[in-house]
């Protein structure tokens, strides 16, 4: 989970920089167009940049780490379980869950502001909270049951 989350943070940082750059460029072009028409510039000239920052920087900085952590969780479960069926289904299951959650996240953007915020509140926040709780539980459990390395014959 940690490796998947950290990797996704790097991806999200890069993607957010690209989205913010694109929004800023679009806003600048609209501002230049409005000045060319004789309209005075205003704060509304950068609405797209502000909206992009609020969405990507404040509301969803942990979205991609959440998706990728689900994939990592599936891989970890596949590698550590003693159950054959679970070992075979865990990695693809984690990837399917991550893909479905990401697809839902992307589709929510087409629902308008209220629909997006509903998906955010009802699905994304609880999923993220559940993953954080699971990580905390797994960490405390690992502290009580330390992993022992292979025994070295003496």
C-alpha atoms as a PDB file:
ATOM      1  CA  UNK A   1       0.000   0.000   0.000  1.00  0.00           C
ATOM      2  CA  UNK A   2       2.764   2.418   0.908  1.00  0.00           C
ATOM      3  CA  UNK A   3       4.776   1.885  -2.260  1.00  0.00           C
ATOM      4  CA  UNK A   4       1.660   2.167  -4.421  1.00  0.00           C
ATOM      5  CA  UNK A   5       0.570   5.314  -2.612  1.00  0.00           C
ATOM      6  CA  UNK A   6       3.967   6.997  -2.872  1.00  0.00           C
ATOM      7  CA  UNK A   7       4.272   6.134  -6.556  1.00  0.00           C
ATOM      8  CA  UNK A   8       0.807   7.528  -7.198  1.00  0.00           C
ATOM      9  CA  UNK A   9       1.688  10.744  -5.338  1.00  0.00           C
ATOM     10  CA  UNK A  10       4.457  11.361  -7.867  1.00  0.00           C
ATOM     11  CA  UNK A  11       2.081  10.681 -10.730  1.00  0.00           C
ATOM     12  CA  UNK A  12      -0.632  12.903  -9.239  1.00  0.00           C
ATOM     13  CA  UNK A  13       1.840  15.742  -8.662  1.00  0.00           C
ATOM     14  CA  UNK A  14       2.887  15.655 -12.307  1.00  0.00           C
ATOM     15  CA  UNK A  15      -0.685  15.352 -13.556  1.00  0.00           C
ATOM     16  CA  UNK A  16      -1.839  18.209 -11.316  1.00  0.00           C
ATOM     17  CA  UNK A  17       0.943  20.451 -12.634  1.00  0.00           C
ATOM     18  CA  UNK A  18      -0.178  19.690 -16.198  1.00  0.00           C
ATOM     19  CA  UNK A  19      -3.860  20.357 -15.424  1.00  0.00           C
ATOM     20  CA  UNK A  20      -3.049  23.618 -13.612  1.00  0.00           C
ATOM     21  CA  UNK A  21      -0.783  24.750 -16.443  1.00  0.00           C
ATOM     22  CA  UNK A  22      -3.479  24.028 -19.010  1.00  0.00           C
ATOM     23  CA  UNK A  23      -6.154  25.852 -16.965  1.00  0.00           C
ATOM     24  CA  UNK A  24      -3.882  28.859 -16.458  1.00  0.00           C
ATOM     25  CA  UNK A  25      -3.037  29.018 -20.165  1.00  0.00           C
ATOM     26  CA  UNK A  26      -6.725  28.803 -21.097  1.00  0.00           C
ATOM     27  CA  UNK A  27      -7.581  31.530 -18.581  1.00  0.00           C
ATOM     28  CA  UNK A  28      -4.805  33.758 -19.915  1.00  0.00           C
ATOM     29  CA  UNK A  29      -6.078  33.363 -23.456  1.00  0.00           C
ATOM     30  CA  UNK A  30      -9.619  34.254 -22.379  1.00  0.00           C
ATOM     31  CA  UNK A  31      -8.260  37.294 -20.543  1.00  0.00           C
ATOM     32  CA  UNK A  32      -6.345  38.428 -23.624  1.00  0.00           C
ATOM     33  CA  UNK A  33      -9.472  37.932 -25.711  1.00  0.00           C
ATOM     34  CA  UNK A  34     -11.540  40.033 -23.283  1.00  0.00           C
ATOM     35  CA  UNK A  35      -8.912  42.804 -23.243  1.00  0.00           C
ATOM     36  CA  UNK A  36      -8.911  42.754 -27.050  1.00  0.00           C
ATOM     37  CA  UNK A  37     -12.654  43.340 -26.931  1.00  0.00           C
ATOM     38  CA  UNK A  38     -12.142  46.344 -24.643  1.00  0.00           C
ATOM     39  CA  UNK A  39     -13.404  44.630 -21.488  1.00  0.00           C
ATOM     40  CA  UNK A  40     -11.492  45.418 -18.284  1.00  0.00           C
ATOM     41  CA  UNK A  41      -9.702  42.461 -16.654  1.00  0.00           C
ATOM     42  CA  UNK A  42     -11.230  41.015 -13.489  1.00  0.00           C
ATOM     43  CA  UNK A  43     -10.619  38.275 -10.959  1.00  0.00           C
ATOM     44  CA  UNK A  44     -13.063  36.080 -12.854  1.00  0.00           C
ATOM     45  CA  UNK A  45     -10.457  35.852 -15.618  1.00  0.00           C
ATOM     46  CA  UNK A  46      -8.807  33.029 -13.663  1.00  0.00           C
ATOM     47  CA  UNK A  47     -11.875  31.002 -12.643  1.00  0.00           C
ATOM     48  CA  UNK A  48     -10.649  27.864 -14.416  1.00  0.00           C
ATOM     49  CA  UNK A  49      -7.300  27.945 -12.627  1.00  0.00           C
ATOM     50  CA  UNK A  50      -8.931  28.439  -9.230  1.00  0.00           C
ATOM     51  CA  UNK A  51     -11.469  25.663  -9.855  1.00  0.00           C
ATOM     52  CA  UNK A  52      -8.731  23.296 -11.000  1.00  0.00           C
ATOM     53  CA  UNK A  53      -6.641  24.075  -7.922  1.00  0.00           C
ATOM     54  CA  UNK A  54      -9.566  23.543  -5.537  1.00  0.00           C
ATOM     55  CA  UNK A  55     -10.560  20.273  -7.209  1.00  0.00           C
ATOM     56  CA  UNK A  56      -7.120  18.747  -7.685  1.00  0.00           C
ATOM     57  CA  UNK A  57      -5.120  20.374  -4.903  1.00  0.00           C
ATOM     58  CA  UNK A  58      -7.623  20.545  -2.055  1.00  0.00           C
ATOM     59  CA  UNK A  59     -10.393  18.007  -2.680  1.00  0.00           C
ATOM     60  CA  UNK A  60      -8.547  15.168  -4.336  1.00  0.00           C
ATOM     61  CA  UNK A  61      -4.828  15.092  -3.581  1.00  0.00           C
ATOM     62  CA  UNK A  62      -5.159  11.519  -2.335  1.00  0.00           C
ATOM     63  CA  UNK A  63      -7.345  10.133  -5.128  1.00  0.00           C
ATOM     64  CA  UNK A  64      -4.561   8.521  -7.178  1.00  0.00           C
ATOM     65  CA  UNK A  65      -2.765   7.204  -4.084  1.00  0.00           C
ATOM     66  CA  UNK A  66      -6.065   5.609  -3.033  1.00  0.00           C
ATOM     67  CA  UNK A  67      -6.512   3.895  -6.404  1.00  0.00           C
ATOM     68  CA  UNK A  68      -2.944   2.644  -6.549  1.00  0.00           C
ATOM     69  CA  UNK A  69      -2.960   1.534  -2.905  1.00  0.00           C
ATOM     70  CA  UNK A  70      -5.899  -0.758  -3.730  1.00  0.00           C
ATOM     71  CA  UNK A  71      -3.772  -2.396  -6.403  1.00  0.00           C
ATOM     72  CA  UNK A  72      -0.872  -2.699  -3.954  1.00  0.00           C
ATOM     73  CA  UNK A  73      -3.185  -4.149  -1.319  1.00  0.00           C
ATOM     74  CA  UNK A  74      -4.334  -6.810  -3.770  1.00  0.00           C
ATOM     75  CA  UNK A  75      -0.734  -7.687  -4.605  1.00  0.00           C
ATOM     76  CA  UNK A  76       0.241  -7.858  -0.928  1.00  0.00           C
ATOM     77  CA  UNK A  77      -2.715 -10.087  -0.137  1.00  0.00           C
ATOM     78  CA  UNK A  78      -1.867 -12.366  -3.053  1.00  0.00           C
ATOM     79  CA  UNK A  79       1.711 -12.710  -1.839  1.00  0.00           C
ATOM     80  CA  UNK A  80       0.977 -13.262   1.846  1.00  0.00           C
ATOM     81  CA  UNK A  81      -2.133 -15.420   1.984  1.00  0.00           C
ATOM     82  CA  UNK A  82      -1.990 -19.147   2.382  1.00  0.00           C
ATOM     83  CA  UNK A  83      -5.276 -19.621   0.553  1.00  0.00           C
ATOM     84  CA  UNK A  84      -4.763 -20.617  -3.049  1.00  0.00           C
ATOM     85  CA  UNK A  85      -7.995 -19.150  -4.459  1.00  0.00           C
ATOM     86  CA  UNK A  86      -7.529 -15.862  -2.613  1.00  0.00           C
ATOM     87  CA  UNK A  87      -3.926 -15.680  -3.815  1.00  0.00           C
ATOM     88  CA  UNK A  88      -5.086 -16.005  -7.409  1.00  0.00           C
ATOM     89  CA  UNK A  89      -7.930 -13.496  -7.145  1.00  0.00           C
ATOM     90  CA  UNK A  90      -6.451 -10.823  -4.868  1.00  0.00           C
ATOM     91  CA  UNK A  91      -4.128  -9.043  -7.336  1.00  0.00           C
ATOM     92  CA  UNK A  92      -6.626  -8.875 -10.213  1.00  0.00           C
ATOM     93  CA  UNK A  93      -9.342  -7.973  -7.683  1.00  0.00           C
ATOM     94  CA  UNK A  94      -7.309  -5.051  -6.336  1.00  0.00           C
ATOM     95  CA  UNK A  95      -6.664  -3.823  -9.863  1.00  0.00           C
ATOM     96  CA  UNK A  96     -10.356  -4.109 -10.792  1.00  0.00           C
ATOM     97  CA  UNK A  97     -11.367  -2.205  -7.640  1.00  0.00           C
ATOM     98  CA  UNK A  98      -8.797   0.510  -8.361  1.00  0.00           C
ATOM     99  CA  UNK A  99      -9.906   0.802 -11.976  1.00  0.00           C
ATOM    100  CA  UNK A 100     -13.602   0.898 -11.064  1.00  0.00           C
ATOM    101  CA  UNK A 101     -13.043   3.559  -8.407  1.00  0.00           C
ATOM    102  CA  UNK A 102     -10.942   5.646 -10.793  1.00  0.00           C
ATOM    103  CA  UNK A 103     -13.576   5.282 -13.523  1.00  0.00           C
ATOM    104  CA  UNK A 104     -16.283   6.362 -11.098  1.00  0.00           C
ATOM    105  CA  UNK A 105     -14.135   9.341 -10.099  1.00  0.00           C
ATOM    106  CA  UNK A 106     -13.674  10.362 -13.730  1.00  0.00           C
ATOM    107  CA  UNK A 107     -17.369   9.856 -14.527  1.00  0.00           C
ATOM    108  CA  UNK A 108     -18.345  12.028 -11.548  1.00  0.00           C
ATOM    109  CA  UNK A 109     -16.804  15.013 -13.329  1.00  0.00           C
ATOM    110  CA  UNK A 110     -19.641  14.816 -15.871  1.00  0.00           C
ATOM    111  CA  UNK A 111     -22.337  14.989 -13.164  1.00  0.00           C
ATOM    112  CA  UNK A 112     -21.963  18.699 -12.495  1.00  0.00           C
ATOM    113  CA  UNK A 113     -20.888  20.243  -9.222  1.00  0.00           C
ATOM    114  CA  UNK A 114     -23.624  18.726  -7.030  1.00  0.00           C
ATOM    115  CA  UNK A 115     -23.275  15.254  -8.529  1.00  0.00           C
ATOM    116  CA  UNK A 116     -19.508  15.360  -8.207  1.00  0.00           C
ATOM    117  CA  UNK A 117     -19.663  16.454  -4.577  1.00  0.00           C
ATOM    118  CA  UNK A 118     -22.196  13.707  -3.861  1.00  0.00           C
ATOM    119  CA  UNK A 119     -19.879  11.038  -5.307  1.00  0.00           C
ATOM    120  CA  UNK A 120     -17.000  12.617  -3.411  1.00  0.00           C
ATOM    121  CA  UNK A 121     -18.844  12.566  -0.066  1.00  0.00           C
ATOM    122  CA  UNK A 122     -20.623   9.223  -0.426  1.00  0.00           C
ATOM    123  CA  UNK A 123     -17.911   7.154  -2.123  1.00  0.00           C
ATOM    124  CA  UNK A 124     -14.447   8.700  -2.156  1.00  0.00           C
ATOM    125  CA  UNK A 125     -14.206   9.981   1.414  1.00  0.00           C
ATOM    126  CA  UNK A 126     -15.457   6.725   2.979  1.00  0.00           C
ATOM    127  CA  UNK A 127     -13.128   4.641   0.763  1.00  0.00           C
ATOM    128  CA  UNK A 128     -10.162   6.775   1.737  1.00  0.00           C
ATOM    129  CA  UNK A 129     -11.122   6.651   5.421  1.00  0.00           C
ATOM    130  CA  UNK A 130     -11.501   2.860   5.241  1.00  0.00           C
ATOM    131  CA  UNK A 131      -8.072   2.523   3.644  1.00  0.00           C
ATOM    132  CA  UNK A 132      -6.481   4.731   6.313  1.00  0.00           C
ATOM    133  CA  UNK A 133      -8.172   2.698   9.060  1.00  0.00           C
ATOM    134  CA  UNK A 134      -7.037  -0.538   7.441  1.00  0.00           C
ATOM    135  CA  UNK A 135      -3.458   0.739   7.192  1.00  0.00           C
ATOM    136  CA  UNK A 136      -3.504   1.742  10.879  1.00  0.00           C
ATOM    137  CA  UNK A 137      -4.939  -1.649  11.856  1.00  0.00           C
ATOM    138  CA  UNK A 138      -2.363  -3.500   9.750  1.00  0.00           C
ATOM    139  CA  UNK A 139       0.428  -1.438  11.297  1.00  0.00           C
ATOM    140  CA  UNK A 140      -0.653  -2.207  14.869  1.00  0.00           C
ATOM    141  CA  UNK A 141      -1.147  -5.864  13.994  1.00  0.00           C
ATOM    142  CA  UNK A 142       2.342  -6.034  12.483  1.00  0.00           C
ATOM    143  CA  UNK A 143       3.716  -4.576  15.720  1.00  0.00           C
ATOM    144  CA  UNK A 144       2.082  -7.341  17.761  1.00  0.00           C
ATOM    145  CA  UNK A 145       3.064 -10.126  15.363  1.00  0.00           C
ATOM    146  CA  UNK A 146       6.557  -9.343  14.094  1.00  0.00           C
ATOM    147  CA  UNK A 147       7.587 -10.965  10.872  1.00  0.00           C
ATOM    148  CA  UNK A 148      10.443 -13.353  11.424  1.00  0.00           C
ATOM    149  CA  UNK A 149      13.061 -13.805   8.818  1.00  0.00           C
ATOM    150  CA  UNK A 150      14.309 -17.186   7.667  1.00  0.00           C
ATOM    151  CA  UNK A 151      16.118 -19.085  10.383  1.00  0.00           C
ATOM    152  CA  UNK A 152      19.830 -19.340  10.000  1.00  0.00           C
ATOM    153  CA  UNK A 153      21.265 -22.654  10.972  1.00  0.00           C
ATOM    154  CA  UNK A 154      23.934 -22.363  13.605  1.00  0.00           C
END
